[in-house]
Each structure stands twice: as structure tokens, then as C-alpha cells.
Amino acid sequence: LGPLRSLWYRWKMMRLPWRKKWLVGLDLQGNTYWEFKDALHSRRTRRIVKYSQWTHHGDVNVPPQWMQWLRHTRYEVPTLAEQRDDIRRQERIKVLAAEADARWASKASALDAPDKQQPVQMLESRDTRTGIRQMSATQEARDIAEPTEPSESPWKQSMRTNPGDEWQPESWAPSPARR
């Protein structure tokens, strides 16, 4: 903030008796927050936000602290230092979340398929011929197995017994009115 703008904000924040509304604060995006007396309830004040003139209405972002103040759930006005601390906290959370995601991705999941899991280092060497014999035995078993034909689905049978299958709508013929 420049000195001229700071001076203007201080002037607008003064609660002079002839003013209908007064400036309460501003946020880091350039939005200003105003308070004025409600016409219906003289003791209650209304709170509004005026968005920065350089921001498109679709890009407006009101910080949660100011949203609480606008809804009268927070009495104190959020300070600029508090808003800066909150932004630093959010950045810190994003960094910590990225680190946690990286740690999580580096660990093997119990749900992964065995071929996608990281191989466990062997403690002792194996005989290479036993692995080849086991692989050829499983391959022969696959070749010998006959392709199974799909049996008739039990759902098709239940569909045929549905009583509404043969029903067809008819034209409406109203009965004569009783007198």
C-alpha cells in the first residue's frame, strides 16, 4: 500500500456521525469490507464486501476469515498479518502433502498385483532348473485344459418367467359415469 492509499483508507475507517457506511478493512486480493447501519434494525450493522475493480467476478475469492466476519460469526476484523500467516500455512500444508504423497507412492501396496510389486531380494540362490520345470508344467496344464463353454445364464430363465413380459398396453376406455 502506498502512503496516499493508506491515508485514504484511514480516512474512510473513521466512524464519523454523518457517514452512512465506513470501511472496516481490506484483504490481500484488494477487496474492501464495509459496514453500515441496517435500516430495519438500528442496533445491528450490515456487512458487505466490494470486490477489486480489476478482478473478474468469476475470479473473486473471499478469504475464510473475512467470510466469517461478513456472516457475523467473527467479531474481530482479520488483520493483514493474519491473512499473510494463513497463506504461508496453506503453502506449508501443500508442501507437506506433496511430501506425504511421495512417501506413500514409494511404498509397495498390499493391493498391488504380485507382478507389479517390487521384488524381494533373494537370501540364497536357487537351482535354475527347478524354475524352468515348474514353468513348463504350468504351461502344459494350460494347453491341456479344455475351453469351457458358458452355461446358460440363470438370469435369462428368470426373465422368461416374469409375469409382465407378455403384457401390452391397451387404449383407454372409460366406464360410463354412475348417477
Protein backbone atom coordinates (compact mmCIF):
# COMPACT_ATOMS: atom_id res chain seq x y z
CA LEU A 1 0.00 0.00 0.00
CA GLY A 2 1.19 3.43 -0.89
CA PRO A 3 1.09 6.32 1.58
CA LEU A 4 -1.74 8.08 -0.27
CA ARG A 5 -3.92 4.96 -0.35
CA SER A 6 -3.12 4.22 3.28
CA LEU A 7 -4.18 7.74 4.23
CA TRP A 8 -7.41 7.38 2.23
CA TYR A 9 -8.20 4.06 3.97
CA ARG A 10 -7.62 5.60 7.40
CA TRP A 11 -9.98 8.47 6.49
CA LYS A 12 -12.69 6.05 5.34
CA MET A 13 -12.30 3.96 8.51
CA MET A 14 -13.22 6.88 10.77
CA ARG A 15 -16.70 6.39 12.19
CA LEU A 16 -17.98 9.91 11.76
CA PRO A 17 -21.66 10.57 12.67
CA TRP A 18 -22.65 11.81 9.21
CA ARG A 19 -21.30 8.76 7.38
CA LYS A 20 -23.75 6.12 6.29
CA LYS A 21 -21.10 3.43 5.84
CA TRP A 22 -17.49 3.07 6.84
CA LEU A 23 -14.53 0.99 5.78
CA VAL A 24 -13.58 -1.82 8.13
CA GLY A 25 -10.67 -3.49 6.37
CA LEU A 26 -9.19 -4.99 3.25
CA ASP A 27 -7.68 -8.28 2.17
CA LEU A 28 -4.63 -9.26 0.15
CA GLN A 29 -6.63 -9.53 -3.11
CA GLY A 30 -7.68 -5.87 -2.96
CA ASN A 31 -11.27 -6.41 -1.77
CA THR A 32 -12.59 -3.84 0.72
CA TYR A 33 -15.01 -4.65 3.54
CA TRP A 34 -17.61 -2.15 4.67
CA GLU A 35 -20.10 -1.87 7.50
CA PHE A 36 -23.26 0.23 7.72
CA LYS A 37 -26.34 0.51 9.91
CA ASP A 38 -29.30 -1.59 8.93
CA ALA A 39 -32.45 0.39 8.08
CA LEU A 40 -34.78 -2.11 9.81
CA HIS A 41 -32.68 -2.88 12.90
CA SER A 42 -30.87 0.22 14.16
CA ARG A 43 -28.68 -1.73 16.59
CA ARG A 44 -27.44 -4.25 14.06
CA THR A 45 -24.92 -3.40 11.37
CA ARG A 46 -24.79 -4.90 7.91
CA ARG A 47 -21.54 -6.02 6.38
CA ILE A 48 -20.63 -6.06 2.71
CA VAL A 49 -17.61 -6.63 0.51
CA LYS A 50 -16.67 -4.53 -2.51
CA TYR A 51 -14.53 -6.52 -4.90
CA SER A 52 -11.45 -5.12 -6.55
CA GLN A 53 -12.34 -3.35 -9.81
CA TRP A 54 -9.58 -5.21 -11.67
CA THR A 55 -10.89 -8.67 -10.74
CA HIS A 56 -13.41 -10.52 -12.91
CA HIS A 57 -16.49 -11.61 -10.94
CA GLY A 58 -15.73 -15.25 -11.69
CA ASP A 59 -12.27 -14.93 -10.15
CA VAL A 60 -13.37 -13.31 -6.87
CA ASN A 61 -12.06 -15.14 -3.83
CA VAL A 62 -13.07 -14.08 -0.32
CA PRO A 63 -10.79 -15.48 2.41
CA PRO A 64 -12.46 -17.63 5.09
CA GLN A 65 -11.61 -15.17 7.88
CA TRP A 66 -13.44 -12.38 6.07
CA MET A 67 -16.33 -14.71 5.22
CA GLN A 68 -16.74 -15.40 8.95
CA TRP A 69 -16.70 -11.67 9.65
CA LEU A 70 -19.28 -10.99 6.93
CA ARG A 71 -21.64 -13.58 8.45
CA HIS A 72 -21.30 -12.14 11.97
CA THR A 73 -19.67 -15.33 13.29
CA ARG A 74 -16.42 -13.47 13.92
CA TYR A 75 -16.38 -10.19 15.81
CA GLU A 76 -12.78 -9.08 15.25
CA VAL A 77 -11.68 -7.91 11.83
CA PRO A 78 -8.92 -10.09 10.33
CA THR A 79 -5.61 -8.27 10.05
CA LEU A 80 -3.31 -8.30 7.03
CA ALA A 81 -0.64 -10.11 9.09
CA GLU A 82 -3.15 -12.83 9.99
CA GLN A 83 -4.07 -13.22 6.32
CA ARG A 84 -0.38 -13.47 5.31
CA ASP A 85 0.19 -16.11 8.00
CA ASP A 86 -2.77 -18.10 6.71
CA ILE A 87 -1.38 -18.05 3.16
CA ARG A 88 2.02 -19.23 4.47
CA ARG A 89 0.25 -22.00 6.40
CA GLN A 90 -1.60 -23.12 3.25
CA GLU A 91 1.66 -23.21 1.26
CA ARG A 92 3.32 -25.22 4.03
CA ILE A 93 0.41 -27.69 4.02
CA LYS A 94 0.71 -28.12 0.24
CA VAL A 95 4.44 -28.90 0.55
CA LEU A 96 3.85 -31.36 3.38
CA ALA A 97 1.03 -33.03 1.44
CA ALA A 98 3.27 -33.43 -1.62
CA GLU A 99 5.98 -34.99 0.56
CA ALA A 100 3.43 -37.36 2.14
CA ASP A 101 2.14 -38.34 -1.32
CA ALA A 102 5.70 -39.06 -2.46
CA ARG A 103 6.33 -41.23 0.63
CA TRP A 104 3.04 -43.04 0.07
CA ALA A 105 3.80 -43.68 -3.61
CA SER A 106 7.25 -45.09 -2.80
CA LYS A 107 5.81 -47.81 -0.54
CA ALA A 108 4.51 -51.03 -2.09
CA SER A 109 0.80 -51.50 -1.70
CA ALA A 110 -0.71 -54.70 -0.37
CA LEU A 111 -3.38 -54.38 -3.05
CA ASP A 112 -0.94 -54.39 -5.98
CA ALA A 113 -0.79 -57.47 -8.19
CA PRO A 114 2.22 -59.71 -7.45
CA ASP A 115 3.88 -58.88 -10.79
CA LYS A 116 3.69 -55.14 -10.03
CA GLN A 117 5.14 -55.42 -6.54
CA GLN A 118 8.77 -54.68 -6.00
CA PRO A 119 10.84 -57.89 -6.00
CA VAL A 120 12.22 -59.07 -2.70
CA GLN A 121 15.96 -59.75 -2.76
CA MET A 122 16.81 -63.43 -2.53
CA LEU A 123 18.74 -64.52 0.52
CA GLU A 124 20.09 -67.74 -1.03
CA SER A 125 20.47 -68.84 -4.62
CA ARG A 126 18.05 -71.28 -6.20
CA ASP A 127 18.58 -74.06 -8.66
CA THR A 128 17.74 -72.60 -12.07
CA ARG A 129 16.39 -75.90 -13.47
CA THR A 130 13.54 -76.16 -10.92
CA GLY A 131 12.08 -72.85 -12.02
CA ILE A 132 12.16 -73.91 -15.67
CA ARG A 133 10.46 -77.24 -14.87
CA GLN A 134 7.73 -75.50 -12.87
CA MET A 135 7.10 -73.00 -15.67
CA SER A 136 6.86 -75.72 -18.34
CA ALA A 137 4.46 -77.75 -16.16
CA THR A 138 2.07 -74.85 -15.75
CA GLN A 139 2.26 -74.11 -19.50
CA GLU A 140 1.40 -77.75 -20.32
CA ALA A 141 -1.53 -77.63 -17.88
CA ARG A 142 -2.89 -74.56 -19.66
CA ASP A 143 -2.56 -76.20 -23.07
CA ILE A 144 -4.33 -79.36 -21.93
CA ALA A 145 -7.25 -77.58 -20.28
CA GLU A 146 -10.32 -77.57 -22.49
CA PRO A 147 -12.01 -74.26 -23.18
CA THR A 148 -15.20 -74.22 -21.13
CA GLU A 149 -18.42 -73.33 -22.83
CA PRO A 150 -20.51 -70.77 -20.99
CA SER A 151 -23.56 -72.40 -19.42
CA GLU A 152 -26.99 -70.86 -19.79
CA SER A 153 -27.37 -67.83 -17.59
CA PRO A 154 -29.85 -68.26 -14.70
CA TRP A 155 -30.89 -64.63 -15.20
CA LYS A 156 -32.30 -65.38 -18.65
CA GLN A 157 -34.51 -68.08 -17.17
CA SER A 158 -35.88 -65.72 -14.53
CA MET A 159 -36.55 -63.11 -17.21
CA ARG A 160 -38.75 -65.52 -19.12
CA THR A 161 -40.91 -66.20 -16.05
CA ASN A 162 -41.60 -62.53 -15.39
CA PRO A 163 -45.42 -62.09 -15.47
CA GLY A 164 -45.19 -58.66 -17.06
CA ASP A 165 -43.34 -59.83 -20.18
CA GLU A 166 -46.47 -60.58 -22.18
CA TRP A 167 -48.42 -57.51 -21.05
CA GLN A 168 -49.16 -54.89 -23.70
CA PRO A 169 -50.85 -51.55 -23.03
CA GLU A 170 -54.37 -51.08 -24.35
CA SER A 171 -56.26 -47.96 -25.30
CA TRP A 172 -58.22 -46.30 -22.51
CA ALA A 173 -61.95 -46.95 -22.48
CA PRO A 174 -63.62 -45.10 -19.58
CA SER A 175 -66.64 -46.70 -17.95
CA PRO A 176 -69.92 -44.78 -18.06
CA ALA A 177 -70.47 -42.39 -15.16
CA ARG A 178 -72.71 -43.57 -12.34
CA ARG A 179 -75.71 -41.44 -11.44
